[in-house]
Every structure is written in C-alpha cells, then in structure tokens.
Amino acid sequence: MSIALPFESQAHQEYVLGLKLHWTRRLFPALYQEYQRLVAERGSTPASADEVEAMMRRSTLYQYFGWLERHLQQLKYVHPRGILPALKEQEALLDAALEALPEPRLGSLRLDPSLALPEYYTDVDYHQHPGGVWSDNLDAFAYEYGAQTTTPTLGDRHADLHYRFAMAAAQRLAPGAKILDLGCGFGKSTLPFAVLFPEAEVSGVDLSAPCLKLAHLRAEQEGVKVAFSQQNAEHTDFADASFDLVTSTMLLHEVPPPAVRAIFREAYRLLRPGGWFISLDFYDPPGGVFGQFIHYGHSVRNNEPFMRPLCEMDLRQELREAGFATVRIEAFEEKPGALGSDPAGMPPEWRFPWALIGGQKTGKE
C-alpha cells in the first residue's frame, strides 16, 4: 500500500516544501552575504563556528533563518494539516497493514520485543518527529512520507541518493556477496542493494519495530529478498566475518561518540577479510567556519544532538583504532554536480555535507 494524504494535507505539504526551498535557495545565500558583510565590518574572520554564532546573533536575517528552519519541521509534522494528524485519520488502516504482514514470500522479518532501546534513542525526538520513530506504527509511515522533503534540493530524484550510494559502496562486490545495512529504518537505504544486486544476500537491522515492519512490507512489494531483524547496530547477533559489505546511511550522526566507536568495532568484527565498511553520513562541512556554523546550528534546531560531536571526532583515527588499516573518507555527490568545481567552498544553496566514511578489513583473520 502507498500513503495518500487528504487533498488539504497534500496542499499543505507542498506549501511547506515551497517554504523550505525558499529557505534553501534564497535565504541561505543571502545569509552568507550577510556574514561576509559583518566580517568586513569586523575586520577579521571568526576563528570558530561559535565565534560566527556570536557575531551573527545581531542579524535579523539570521534570526529569521533559524526560526523558519525550526518551525518548518513543526509545520510538516504537527500542524493540523501536517503529516501526523493526517495519518492519524487512517490509523486503523495503517495499523492493519503492518500488523497483518504477508507471510514472507522472499525475505524475512525478525522482531525482538525484549530488545532494550538505548536512552540516546528514546530520549530525543530526532528530526523533531514527536515521540521518535519507534513508538507506534504511524511513526514508520510518517518517517517514510517525511523523508520526501528532508532534502528538497534533490526534488524527484531523492530516491536516487540511495541508489547512488549503493552503486558507490558495492562497486567491487562479487556475485553472491553478503551485505548488511545498519540502522536501515524503513528500508529506503536497504532496498537499492537488493534491487541493484539481486544475487547478493541483503540484511538490514534497526532498533524500530514499526520501521522494520514497513521495510519488510516495502521489500515484499518491490519483489526483492531482504532479511530484516530488530537489533542494536552496536552489537548484533551475527557471527564473526559474516559479510562482505557493511553499510549505514545517516546513522552515525544520530548516535553519541561511544556508540560510533562501538559501531566501527562491530562492523570490523562482522566483515570478512577484504570486506568494506562504508557509511554515508554528514562530516567535514564545506565553507570553513561559516559552513560549520550552519551545520552545527541545524543540529540544534532540528534536534540532532550528536551531529556536531560526530564532526568533531577524528573519524580516520577512530576507524584505525577499530582495526581498519585502509580508511576512506571523501565528499559524496548526492546528485550530479552537487559538489561543483570547489568541493571545499561554500555551496550556492544549503545542503548537507554528505560524505563516504569507512574502511577495509585487511589480512587473514
């Protein structure tokens, strides 16, 4: 089944998307010009993102930029015509769709009601999603629908982000390879591997039972075989050296540094010699201290408390300490031409600092 919001709610979401594109394409470059003007008045460039924040506080444009960023998510989710109220009207139908899942025809679904969810996961409404994405079945559908406007500059090609990542991550895989997607959510990051590499054995793990149910449903609808299970990515129950490729997409910035280190160690344990761990996440914002200021401000305004700590970690060293001898961290184009001619420079419109982060397990282990 697909999600269909009432006409009024669809129109409201289009309005929210229009506002977000205005924020992305008009307010962001205008704010950068404001920053440059204030730097010229000051006579020196701030040395850190925190210094930029202190300087920009007196800017009315910055106050509006931050206010709109914060409230766009609230308009998106909890406004009377937002996603959650609209889905609430269909709660019985959506509940039935996930609770009466078809018998696995291709893949499988393994849930663990006794799994203890980490406090960092349950105590924060990530993305300003009320109650998180694990509380009830509606959360999964809301998360899926809301993802359509998470990166508005991708437009209709939003799904291609995950296919582009899958192609980049799995380009060296042999037929029949085993792939594990950590923090798979509702399967948006997992299904491209199963679609593009039908001979591979694809698995996905996540903490959210509702998201896993929806992921399983979407895989069956897509006609691809995926084994989903409810597990903590920090310590799974798979055997040592079980996979040729371990991936994650937008997972690392949503866990605290100790969990990042645990995920690195777990990925290393799960890989066969020669296998790769590759994560698509946000790291090393372009544009110097202004780029950091924008990214760190987003982490506060969008309830992403571990986004800044991730950027402040030395991930190359952390990967080496986890056992990876070969480490890879590089900027990633979420759409053709996204990086432009100067990947380290200020982008012409707001974008996440997408990066491929990972390493290869080497040796005879």
Protein backbone atom coordinates (compact mmCIF):
# COMPACT_ATOMS: atom_id res chain seq x y z
CA MET A 1 0.00 0.00 0.00
CA SER A 2 1.07 3.59 -0.59
CA ILE A 3 0.37 6.58 1.64
CA ALA A 4 -2.28 9.00 0.38
CA LEU A 5 -2.89 12.17 2.40
CA PRO A 6 -6.13 14.15 2.06
CA PHE A 7 -6.03 16.88 -0.58
CA GLU A 8 -5.78 19.65 2.03
CA SER A 9 -2.84 17.93 3.70
CA GLN A 10 -1.09 17.36 0.38
CA ALA A 11 -1.51 21.05 -0.43
CA HIS A 12 -0.11 21.93 2.99
CA GLN A 13 2.95 19.74 2.39
CA GLU A 14 3.50 21.45 -0.96
CA TYR A 15 3.36 24.79 0.85
CA VAL A 16 5.91 23.58 3.40
CA LEU A 17 8.15 22.32 0.60
CA GLY A 18 7.93 25.69 -1.15
CA LEU A 19 8.93 27.47 2.05
CA LYS A 20 11.83 25.07 2.55
CA LEU A 21 13.08 25.64 -0.98
CA HIS A 22 12.88 29.41 -0.33
CA TRP A 23 14.90 28.87 2.84
CA THR A 24 17.38 26.65 0.98
CA ARG A 25 17.85 28.66 -2.21
CA ARG A 26 17.16 32.25 -1.22
CA LEU A 27 17.73 32.72 2.49
CA PHE A 28 20.90 30.63 2.71
CA PRO A 29 22.93 32.59 0.09
CA ALA A 30 21.52 35.86 1.47
CA LEU A 31 22.70 34.84 4.94
CA TYR A 32 26.17 34.12 3.59
CA GLN A 33 26.28 37.61 2.06
CA GLU A 34 25.22 39.00 5.46
CA TYR A 35 28.06 37.05 7.07
CA GLN A 36 30.57 38.46 4.60
CA ARG A 37 29.32 41.99 5.29
CA LEU A 38 29.68 41.55 9.05
CA VAL A 39 33.16 40.07 8.62
CA ALA A 40 34.16 43.13 6.59
CA GLU A 41 32.82 45.42 9.33
CA ARG A 42 34.65 43.40 11.96
CA GLY A 43 37.90 43.43 10.01
CA SER A 44 38.75 39.76 10.68
CA THR A 45 37.34 36.30 10.02
CA PRO A 46 35.97 34.46 13.07
CA ALA A 47 38.20 31.61 14.20
CA SER A 48 35.42 29.13 15.00
CA ALA A 49 31.77 28.30 14.42
CA ASP A 50 31.00 29.59 17.91
CA GLU A 51 32.55 32.95 17.06
CA VAL A 52 30.41 33.09 13.93
CA GLU A 53 27.34 32.35 16.05
CA ALA A 54 28.18 35.18 18.45
CA MET A 55 28.70 37.60 15.56
CA MET A 56 25.52 36.61 13.71
CA ARG A 57 23.17 36.85 16.68
CA ARG A 58 22.53 40.54 15.97
CA SER A 59 21.45 39.74 12.40
CA THR A 60 17.68 39.86 11.90
CA LEU A 61 18.11 37.71 8.80
CA TYR A 62 19.86 35.01 10.83
CA GLN A 63 17.12 35.08 13.45
CA TYR A 64 14.53 34.61 10.71
CA PHE A 65 16.63 31.89 9.02
CA GLY A 66 16.88 29.93 12.28
CA TRP A 67 13.24 30.48 13.23
CA LEU A 68 12.00 29.28 9.86
CA GLU A 69 14.26 26.22 9.90
CA ARG A 70 12.93 25.19 13.31
CA HIS A 71 9.28 25.81 12.55
CA LEU A 72 9.22 24.23 9.09
CA GLN A 73 9.54 20.82 10.73
CA GLN A 74 6.67 21.61 13.08
CA LEU A 75 4.54 22.72 10.14
CA LYS A 76 5.50 19.50 8.40
CA TYR A 77 4.62 17.10 11.23
CA VAL A 78 2.22 18.54 13.82
CA HIS A 79 0.27 21.34 12.12
CA PRO A 80 -3.44 20.40 11.92
CA ARG A 81 -2.83 19.56 8.27
CA GLY A 82 0.59 18.07 8.93
CA ILE A 83 1.69 14.50 8.37
CA LEU A 84 0.87 13.07 11.80
CA PRO A 85 -2.71 14.42 12.08
CA ALA A 86 -3.41 13.28 8.51
CA LEU A 87 -2.09 9.79 9.20
CA LYS A 88 -3.99 9.64 12.49
CA GLU A 89 -7.20 9.70 10.48
CA GLN A 90 -6.04 6.49 8.75
CA GLU A 91 -4.61 4.83 11.86
CA ALA A 92 -6.76 1.72 11.77
CA LEU A 93 -5.96 1.05 8.11
CA LEU A 94 -2.21 1.65 8.55
CA ASP A 95 -2.04 -0.42 11.72
CA ALA A 96 -3.72 -3.30 9.93
CA ALA A 97 -1.25 -3.04 7.05
CA LEU A 98 1.71 -3.58 9.38
CA GLU A 99 0.18 -5.99 11.85
CA ALA A 100 -1.20 -8.30 9.16
CA LEU A 101 2.02 -8.57 7.20
CA PRO A 102 2.06 -11.17 4.45
CA GLU A 103 3.90 -14.36 5.17
CA PRO A 104 7.46 -13.86 3.95
CA ARG A 105 7.48 -14.86 0.30
CA LEU A 106 11.03 -13.72 -0.37
CA GLY A 107 12.64 -12.12 2.66
CA SER A 108 12.12 -12.36 6.39
CA LEU A 109 11.35 -10.26 9.45
CA ARG A 110 12.65 -11.00 12.93
CA LEU A 111 11.48 -8.75 15.79
CA ASP A 112 12.72 -8.74 19.38
CA PRO A 113 10.17 -7.27 21.82
CA SER A 114 12.69 -7.69 24.66
CA LEU A 115 15.35 -5.54 22.99
CA ALA A 116 16.40 -2.70 25.30
CA LEU A 117 16.41 0.55 23.33
CA PRO A 118 19.30 2.92 24.19
CA GLU A 119 18.38 6.06 26.12
CA TYR A 120 20.02 8.25 23.49
CA TYR A 121 17.49 6.81 21.04
CA THR A 122 14.35 7.09 23.16
CA ASP A 123 15.07 10.42 24.89
CA VAL A 124 15.39 12.57 21.75
CA ASP A 125 12.73 13.42 19.18
CA TYR A 126 15.12 13.24 16.23
CA HIS A 127 14.19 15.48 13.28
CA GLN A 128 11.54 16.98 15.61
CA HIS A 129 9.50 13.84 14.97
CA PRO A 130 7.24 13.73 18.07
CA GLY A 131 7.80 10.52 20.03
CA GLY A 132 10.60 9.38 17.74
CA VAL A 133 10.22 6.76 15.01
CA TRP A 134 9.75 3.74 17.26
CA SER A 135 6.68 4.42 19.44
CA ASP A 136 3.86 3.13 17.20
CA ASN A 137 3.13 2.04 13.65
CA LEU A 138 2.19 5.54 12.47
CA ASP A 139 5.77 6.65 13.18
CA ALA A 140 7.09 4.45 10.37
CA PHE A 141 4.67 5.83 7.79
CA ALA A 142 5.29 9.41 8.96
CA TYR A 143 9.03 8.85 8.70
CA GLU A 144 8.67 7.46 5.20
CA TYR A 145 6.43 10.27 4.00
CA GLY A 146 8.51 12.95 5.71
CA ALA A 147 11.69 11.75 4.02
CA GLN A 148 10.38 13.15 0.75
CA THR A 149 11.15 16.69 1.89
CA THR A 150 14.20 16.04 4.07
CA THR A 151 16.49 17.03 1.19
CA PRO A 152 14.28 19.23 -1.01
CA THR A 153 17.06 20.19 -3.43
CA LEU A 154 17.01 16.60 -4.70
CA GLY A 155 13.46 17.03 -5.95
CA ASP A 156 12.04 13.98 -7.69
CA ARG A 157 15.49 12.38 -7.66
CA HIS A 158 15.52 11.95 -3.88
CA ALA A 159 15.39 8.17 -4.19
CA ASP A 160 18.45 8.29 -6.42
CA LEU A 161 20.57 9.36 -3.45
CA HIS A 162 20.34 5.84 -2.04
CA TYR A 163 20.91 4.20 -5.41
CA ARG A 164 23.96 6.40 -5.99
CA PHE A 165 25.31 5.34 -2.61
CA ALA A 166 24.59 1.67 -3.25
CA MET A 167 26.49 1.83 -6.55
CA ALA A 168 29.44 3.59 -4.89
CA ALA A 169 29.55 1.21 -1.92
CA ALA A 170 29.09 -2.08 -3.76
CA GLN A 171 31.08 -1.47 -6.94
CA ARG A 172 33.69 -4.11 -6.06
CA LEU A 173 31.32 -6.83 -4.83
CA ALA A 174 31.33 -10.27 -6.38
CA PRO A 175 28.03 -12.04 -7.21
CA GLY A 176 26.52 -13.69 -4.15
CA ALA A 177 28.11 -11.23 -1.73
CA LYS A 178 26.56 -10.71 1.69
CA ILE A 179 25.55 -7.14 2.56
CA LEU A 180 24.41 -5.74 5.92
CA ASP A 181 22.73 -2.33 6.28
CA LEU A 182 22.97 -0.98 9.83
CA GLY A 183 20.21 1.37 11.00
CA CYS A 184 18.12 0.51 7.96
CA GLY A 185 14.99 2.37 9.10
CA PHE A 186 12.03 1.76 6.80
CA GLY A 187 14.29 0.20 4.20
CA LYS A 188 14.95 3.17 1.92
CA SER A 189 18.71 2.64 2.20
CA THR A 190 18.49 -1.17 2.04
CA LEU A 191 16.26 -1.89 -0.94
CA PRO A 192 18.62 -0.36 -3.55
CA PHE A 193 21.22 -3.03 -2.72
CA ALA A 194 18.64 -5.78 -3.21
CA VAL A 195 17.35 -4.21 -6.45
CA LEU A 196 20.75 -3.48 -7.98
CA PHE A 197 22.43 -6.69 -6.83
CA PRO A 198 19.76 -9.44 -6.98
CA GLU A 199 22.34 -12.20 -6.47
CA ALA A 200 23.52 -10.69 -3.18
CA GLU A 201 22.25 -11.70 0.26
CA VAL A 202 20.99 -8.48 1.82
CA SER A 203 20.19 -7.93 5.51
CA GLY A 204 19.07 -4.87 7.44
CA VAL A 205 18.93 -4.16 11.17
CA ASP A 206 17.28 -1.35 13.09
CA LEU A 207 16.01 -0.54 16.59
CA SER A 208 12.49 0.44 15.47
CA ALA A 209 9.98 -2.39 15.16
CA PRO A 210 7.46 -0.23 13.23
CA CYS A 211 10.12 0.82 10.72
CA LEU A 212 11.23 -2.77 10.24
CA LYS A 213 7.66 -3.89 9.61
CA LEU A 214 7.31 -1.22 6.95
CA ALA A 215 10.71 -2.08 5.47
CA HIS A 216 9.65 -5.73 5.18
CA LEU A 217 6.36 -4.74 3.59
CA ARG A 218 8.08 -2.49 1.03
CA ALA A 219 10.63 -5.18 0.17
CA GLU A 220 7.88 -7.70 -0.48
CA GLN A 221 6.00 -5.16 -2.58
CA GLU A 222 9.21 -4.47 -4.52
CA GLY A 223 9.71 -8.19 -5.04
CA VAL A 224 13.18 -8.32 -3.51
CA LYS A 225 14.62 -10.58 -0.83
CA VAL A 226 15.87 -8.88 2.34
CA ALA A 227 16.31 -10.33 5.85
CA PHE A 228 15.31 -7.67 8.38
CA SER A 229 15.89 -8.02 12.12
CA GLN A 230 15.45 -5.82 15.18
CA GLN A 231 18.91 -5.36 16.64
CA ASN A 232 21.26 -2.72 18.00
CA ALA A 233 23.95 -1.85 15.44
CA GLU A 234 26.48 -1.60 18.27
CA HIS A 235 26.28 -5.35 18.93
CA THR A 236 24.41 -7.69 16.62
CA ASP A 237 23.98 -11.45 16.88
CA PHE A 238 25.62 -12.24 13.53
CA ALA A 239 28.72 -14.43 13.53
CA ASP A 240 32.22 -13.07 13.01
CA ALA A 241 33.25 -12.49 9.39
CA SER A 242 29.70 -12.89 8.08
CA PHE A 243 29.58 -10.10 5.49
CA ASP A 244 31.45 -8.73 2.50
CA LEU A 245 30.00 -5.24 2.89
CA VAL A 246 28.59 -3.44 5.93
CA THR A 247 26.90 -0.09 5.37
CA SER A 248 24.92 2.59 7.15
CA THR A 249 23.12 5.68 5.88
CA MET A 250 22.61 8.73 8.11
CA LEU A 251 23.13 6.61 11.23
CA LEU A 252 26.41 7.84 12.72
CA HIS A 253 25.25 11.44 13.30
CA GLU A 254 22.31 10.15 15.36
CA VAL A 255 24.36 8.29 17.97
CA PRO A 256 26.86 9.59 20.58
CA PRO A 257 30.62 9.11 20.10
CA PRO A 258 30.86 5.93 22.24
CA ALA A 259 28.18 4.34 20.05
CA VAL A 260 30.01 5.46 16.89
CA ARG A 261 33.12 3.67 18.15
CA ALA A 262 31.08 0.56 19.01
CA ILE A 263 29.54 0.52 15.53
CA PHE A 264 33.01 0.76 13.96
CA ARG A 265 34.21 -2.17 16.05
CA GLU A 266 31.09 -4.20 15.28
CA ALA A 267 31.40 -3.54 11.55
CA TYR A 268 35.02 -4.68 11.67
CA ARG A 269 34.04 -7.88 13.53
CA LEU A 270 31.31 -8.69 11.03
CA LEU A 271 33.43 -8.22 7.92
CA ARG A 272 35.32 -10.91 6.11
CA PRO A 273 38.95 -10.10 5.24
CA GLY A 274 38.91 -7.78 2.26
CA GLY A 275 35.42 -6.52 3.07
CA TRP A 276 34.47 -2.87 3.36
CA PHE A 277 32.51 -0.84 5.89
CA ILE A 278 31.10 2.26 4.19
CA SER A 279 28.78 4.79 5.81
CA LEU A 280 27.00 7.67 4.12
CA ASP A 281 26.74 10.48 6.62
CA PHE A 282 27.48 14.14 7.36
CA TYR A 283 31.09 15.14 8.02
CA ASP A 284 33.57 17.96 7.39
CA PRO A 285 31.13 20.72 6.31
CA PRO A 286 32.45 22.78 3.38
CA GLY A 287 32.78 26.54 3.60
CA GLY A 288 35.10 26.87 6.58
CA VAL A 289 33.79 28.25 9.87
CA PHE A 290 30.59 29.56 8.25
CA GLY A 291 29.80 26.10 6.92
CA GLN A 292 30.41 24.63 10.37
CA PHE A 293 28.21 27.32 11.93
CA ILE A 294 25.32 26.45 9.60
CA HIS A 295 25.67 22.71 10.15
CA TYR A 296 26.03 22.95 13.92
CA GLY A 297 23.06 25.31 14.08
CA HIS A 298 20.99 22.80 12.13
CA SER A 299 21.90 20.14 14.69
CA VAL A 300 20.39 22.28 17.46
CA ARG A 301 17.33 23.48 15.59
CA ASN A 302 16.41 20.05 14.23
CA ASN A 303 17.02 18.01 17.41
CA GLU A 304 20.21 16.31 16.20
CA PRO A 305 22.38 16.49 19.36
CA PHE A 306 25.13 14.18 18.09
CA MET A 307 25.63 15.84 14.70
CA ARG A 308 28.28 18.25 15.96
CA PRO A 309 30.12 15.68 18.12
CA LEU A 310 30.44 13.44 15.05
CA CYS A 311 32.03 16.25 13.05
CA GLU A 312 34.42 16.95 15.91
CA MET A 313 35.59 13.32 16.04
CA ASP A 314 38.73 12.28 14.17
CA LEU A 315 36.95 9.52 12.27
CA ARG A 316 40.07 8.44 10.41
CA GLN A 317 41.80 7.72 13.69
CA GLU A 318 38.68 6.13 15.17
CA LEU A 319 38.43 3.74 12.20
CA ARG A 320 42.09 2.80 12.53
CA GLU A 321 41.64 2.12 16.23
CA ALA A 322 38.70 -0.14 15.37
CA GLY A 323 41.07 -2.22 13.25
CA PHE A 324 40.72 -0.79 9.75
CA ALA A 325 44.12 -0.39 8.10
CA THR A 326 42.73 1.18 4.93
CA VAL A 327 40.50 4.19 5.68
CA ARG A 328 38.35 6.15 3.23
CA ILE A 329 36.64 9.50 3.88
CA GLU A 330 35.59 11.63 0.93
CA ALA A 331 32.85 14.06 -0.10
CA PHE A 332 29.84 12.48 -1.81
CA GLU A 333 27.63 13.94 -4.53
CA GLU A 334 24.04 13.36 -3.57
CA LYS A 335 23.03 14.45 -7.07
CA PRO A 336 25.04 15.13 -10.23
CA GLY A 337 27.09 18.31 -9.91
CA ALA A 338 26.28 18.83 -6.23
CA LEU A 339 29.93 19.38 -5.27
CA GLY A 340 30.59 21.89 -8.04
CA SER A 341 34.08 22.92 -9.05
CA ASP A 342 35.19 23.62 -5.47
CA PRO A 343 34.04 20.88 -3.06
CA ALA A 344 35.61 22.70 -0.09
CA GLY A 345 33.97 26.04 -0.93
CA MET A 346 30.61 27.46 0.06
CA PRO A 347 27.80 25.75 -1.90
CA PRO A 348 25.38 28.07 -3.73
CA GLU A 349 22.43 26.66 -1.76
CA TRP A 350 22.04 24.86 1.55
CA ARG A 351 22.97 21.19 1.51
CA PHE A 352 24.07 18.51 3.94
CA PRO A 353 27.83 17.79 3.96
CA TRP A 354 27.41 14.28 2.58
CA ALA A 355 30.48 12.07 2.94
CA LEU A 356 31.53 8.46 2.44
CA ILE A 357 33.13 7.24 5.66
CA GLY A 358 34.65 3.82 6.04
CA GLY A 359 37.49 1.37 5.83
CA GLN A 360 38.58 -2.03 4.56
CA LYS A 361 39.33 -5.04 6.70
CA THR A 362 42.60 -6.49 5.55
CA GLY A 363 44.72 -9.51 6.45
CA LYS A 364 43.94 -13.17 7.06
CA GLU A 365 41.71 -13.03 10.12
